[in-house]
Amino acid sequence: MPLDDSDLQGVQAALTGTTATNADLQNISQDDFVRTAVIMLVGIIIVLIVITRSVSSSLFIIASLLLEYLLLLQ
């Protein structure tokens, strides 16, 4: 009996259990990490602008730190 002829048309199925829960938590955590990293970088740039009184110096400091971080990941 094909499913097209059954009463199951339009039914949505979902997975439950530890694996599905862990996958959902990983997706949420990854999204939160990216959001937190962006907010943190903006805050650090603002503090550096106040301390150095120079936008270009602050951006150079952040760029050099990000470049060093990316090189360390390799």
N, C-alpha and C. Protein backbone atom coordinates (compact mmCIF):
# COMPACT_ATOMS: atom_id res chain seq x y z
N MET A 1 0.84 -1.18 0.00
CA MET A 1 0.00 0.00 0.00
C MET A 1 0.89 1.24 0.00
N PRO A 2 0.86 2.03 -1.06
CA PRO A 2 1.67 3.25 -1.10
C PRO A 2 1.17 4.28 -0.09
N LEU A 3 2.09 5.09 0.38
CA LEU A 3 1.72 6.11 1.37
C LEU A 3 0.84 7.20 0.78
N ASP A 4 0.89 7.38 -0.54
CA ASP A 4 0.04 8.40 -1.17
C ASP A 4 -1.43 8.08 -0.99
N ASP A 5 -1.77 6.79 -0.90
CA ASP A 5 -3.17 6.39 -0.76
C ASP A 5 -3.60 6.26 0.70
N SER A 6 -2.70 6.53 1.63
CA SER A 6 -3.03 6.35 3.05
C SER A 6 -3.56 7.64 3.66
N ASP A 7 -3.90 7.56 4.92
CA ASP A 7 -4.38 8.74 5.65
C ASP A 7 -3.23 9.56 6.23
N LEU A 8 -1.99 9.28 5.85
CA LEU A 8 -0.83 9.94 6.44
C LEU A 8 -0.36 11.16 5.65
N GLN A 9 -1.13 11.61 4.69
CA GLN A 9 -0.72 12.79 3.93
C GLN A 9 -0.76 14.02 4.83
N GLY A 10 0.29 14.82 4.75
CA GLY A 10 0.37 16.04 5.54
C GLY A 10 0.87 15.84 6.96
N VAL A 11 1.20 14.61 7.32
CA VAL A 11 1.69 14.33 8.67
C VAL A 11 3.17 14.68 8.74
N GLN A 12 3.58 15.32 9.82
CA GLN A 12 4.99 15.64 10.03
C GLN A 12 5.56 14.68 11.05
N ALA A 13 6.76 14.19 10.77
CA ALA A 13 7.43 13.27 11.69
C ALA A 13 8.61 13.99 12.32
N ALA A 14 8.91 13.63 13.55
CA ALA A 14 10.04 14.24 14.27
C ALA A 14 10.82 13.14 14.97
N LEU A 15 12.09 13.40 15.17
CA LEU A 15 12.94 12.46 15.89
C LEU A 15 13.10 12.92 17.32
N THR A 16 13.14 11.97 18.22
CA THR A 16 13.36 12.30 19.63
C THR A 16 14.49 11.44 20.15
N GLY A 17 14.88 11.73 21.35
CA GLY A 17 15.93 10.94 21.98
C GLY A 17 17.16 11.78 22.23
N THR A 18 18.17 11.12 22.76
CA THR A 18 19.40 11.81 23.14
C THR A 18 20.12 12.41 21.94
N THR A 19 20.20 11.67 20.85
CA THR A 19 20.92 12.15 19.67
C THR A 19 20.26 13.40 19.09
N ALA A 20 18.96 13.39 18.95
CA ALA A 20 18.25 14.55 18.42
C ALA A 20 18.37 15.75 19.35
N THR A 21 18.29 15.50 20.65
CA THR A 21 18.42 16.58 21.63
C THR A 21 19.82 17.18 21.58
N ASN A 22 20.84 16.34 21.50
CA ASN A 22 22.21 16.84 21.43
C ASN A 22 22.46 17.62 20.14
N ALA A 23 21.88 17.18 19.03
CA ALA A 23 22.03 17.92 17.77
C ALA A 23 21.38 19.29 17.88
N ASP A 24 20.20 19.38 18.49
CA ASP A 24 19.54 20.67 18.68
C ASP A 24 20.36 21.58 19.58
N LEU A 25 20.89 21.04 20.67
CA LEU A 25 21.72 21.84 21.58
C LEU A 25 22.98 22.34 20.90
N GLN A 26 23.58 21.52 20.04
CA GLN A 26 24.78 21.94 19.33
C GLN A 26 24.47 23.10 18.38
N ASN A 27 23.35 23.02 17.68
CA ASN A 27 22.96 24.11 16.77
C ASN A 27 22.71 25.40 17.54
N ILE A 28 22.02 25.31 18.66
CA ILE A 28 21.73 26.50 19.47
C ILE A 28 23.02 27.09 20.02
N SER A 29 23.91 26.23 20.51
CA SER A 29 25.17 26.70 21.08
C SER A 29 26.03 27.39 20.03
N GLN A 30 26.05 26.84 18.82
CA GLN A 30 26.85 27.44 17.76
C GLN A 30 26.31 28.82 17.39
N ASP A 31 25.00 28.95 17.29
CA ASP A 31 24.40 30.26 17.00
C ASP A 31 24.70 31.26 18.10
N ASP A 32 24.60 30.83 19.35
CA ASP A 32 24.90 31.71 20.48
C ASP A 32 26.36 32.12 20.49
N PHE A 33 27.26 31.21 20.13
CA PHE A 33 28.69 31.53 20.12
C PHE A 33 28.99 32.62 19.10
N VAL A 34 28.43 32.50 17.91
CA VAL A 34 28.67 33.50 16.87
C VAL A 34 28.13 34.86 17.31
N ARG A 35 26.93 34.88 17.87
CA ARG A 35 26.33 36.13 18.33
C ARG A 35 27.18 36.76 19.44
N THR A 36 27.62 35.94 20.38
CA THR A 36 28.44 36.43 21.49
C THR A 36 29.78 36.96 20.98
N ALA A 37 30.39 36.27 20.03
CA ALA A 37 31.68 36.71 19.49
C ALA A 37 31.56 38.06 18.80
N VAL A 38 30.49 38.26 18.05
CA VAL A 38 30.29 39.55 17.36
C VAL A 38 30.08 40.67 18.37
N ILE A 39 29.24 40.43 19.37
CA ILE A 39 28.99 41.45 20.39
C ILE A 39 30.27 41.78 21.15
N MET A 40 31.05 40.75 21.45
CA MET A 40 32.30 40.96 22.18
C MET A 40 33.30 41.77 21.35
N LEU A 41 33.42 41.46 20.06
CA LEU A 41 34.34 42.20 19.21
C LEU A 41 33.94 43.67 19.10
N VAL A 42 32.65 43.93 18.96
CA VAL A 42 32.19 45.32 18.89
C VAL A 42 32.50 46.05 20.19
N GLY A 43 32.28 45.39 21.31
CA GLY A 43 32.59 46.00 22.61
C GLY A 43 34.07 46.27 22.77
N ILE A 44 34.91 45.33 22.35
CA ILE A 44 36.36 45.52 22.45
C ILE A 44 36.81 46.66 21.55
N ILE A 45 36.24 46.74 20.35
CA ILE A 45 36.61 47.84 19.45
C ILE A 45 36.23 49.19 20.06
N ILE A 46 35.07 49.27 20.67
CA ILE A 46 34.65 50.53 21.30
C ILE A 46 35.59 50.91 22.43
N VAL A 47 35.96 49.94 23.27
CA VAL A 47 36.88 50.22 24.37
C VAL A 47 38.24 50.64 23.83
N LEU A 48 38.73 49.97 22.78
CA LEU A 48 40.02 50.34 22.20
C LEU A 48 39.98 51.75 21.59
N ILE A 49 38.86 52.11 20.98
CA ILE A 49 38.74 53.46 20.42
C ILE A 49 38.81 54.49 21.54
N VAL A 50 38.16 54.20 22.67
CA VAL A 50 38.20 55.14 23.80
C VAL A 50 39.62 55.23 24.36
N ILE A 51 40.29 54.09 24.49
CA ILE A 51 41.63 54.09 25.09
C ILE A 51 42.66 54.72 24.16
N THR A 52 42.66 54.31 22.88
CA THR A 52 43.70 54.80 21.96
C THR A 52 43.33 56.13 21.31
N ARG A 53 42.06 56.50 21.36
CA ARG A 53 41.55 57.72 20.73
C ARG A 53 41.82 57.74 19.22
N SER A 54 41.85 56.53 18.64
CA SER A 54 42.10 56.41 17.21
C SER A 54 41.37 55.19 16.67
N VAL A 55 40.52 55.43 15.68
CA VAL A 55 39.78 54.32 15.08
C VAL A 55 40.73 53.41 14.31
N SER A 56 41.65 54.00 13.56
CA SER A 56 42.55 53.19 12.75
C SER A 56 43.46 52.31 13.60
N SER A 57 43.96 52.83 14.71
CA SER A 57 44.80 52.02 15.60
C SER A 57 43.99 50.88 16.21
N SER A 58 42.78 51.16 16.59
CA SER A 58 41.93 50.13 17.18
C SER A 58 41.63 49.02 16.18
N LEU A 59 41.30 49.41 14.96
CA LEU A 59 41.02 48.40 13.94
C LEU A 59 42.27 47.60 13.59
N PHE A 60 43.43 48.25 13.59
CA PHE A 60 44.68 47.53 13.33
C PHE A 60 44.96 46.51 14.42
N ILE A 61 44.73 46.88 15.67
CA ILE A 61 44.95 45.95 16.79
C ILE A 61 44.01 44.75 16.66
N ILE A 62 42.74 45.00 16.39
CA ILE A 62 41.77 43.91 16.25
C ILE A 62 42.12 43.03 15.05
N ALA A 63 42.48 43.65 13.93
CA ALA A 63 42.83 42.87 12.73
C ALA A 63 44.04 41.99 12.97
N SER A 64 45.05 42.52 13.65
CA SER A 64 46.24 41.71 13.92
C SER A 64 45.93 40.56 14.87
N LEU A 65 45.09 40.80 15.86
CA LEU A 65 44.71 39.72 16.79
C LEU A 65 43.88 38.65 16.08
N LEU A 66 42.95 39.07 15.23
CA LEU A 66 42.15 38.09 14.48
C LEU A 66 43.01 37.28 13.52
N LEU A 67 43.96 37.94 12.87
CA LEU A 67 44.86 37.23 11.96
C LEU A 67 45.70 36.21 12.71
N GLU A 68 46.21 36.60 13.87
CA GLU A 68 47.00 35.67 14.68
C GLU A 68 46.14 34.49 15.13
N TYR A 69 44.92 34.76 15.53
CA TYR A 69 44.01 33.69 15.95
C TYR A 69 43.72 32.72 14.81
N LEU A 70 43.47 33.26 13.62
CA LEU A 70 43.20 32.40 12.46
C LEU A 70 44.42 31.57 12.08
N LEU A 71 45.61 32.15 12.20
CA LEU A 71 46.83 31.39 11.90
C LEU A 71 47.07 30.28 12.91
N LEU A 72 46.68 30.50 14.15
CA LEU A 72 46.86 29.47 15.17
C LEU A 72 45.88 28.31 14.99
N LEU A 73 44.76 28.54 14.33
CA LEU A 73 43.78 27.48 14.11
C LEU A 73 44.23 26.45 13.08
N GLN A 74 45.19 26.81 12.25
CA GLN A 74 45.63 25.90 11.18
C GLN A 74 46.42 24.76 11.71
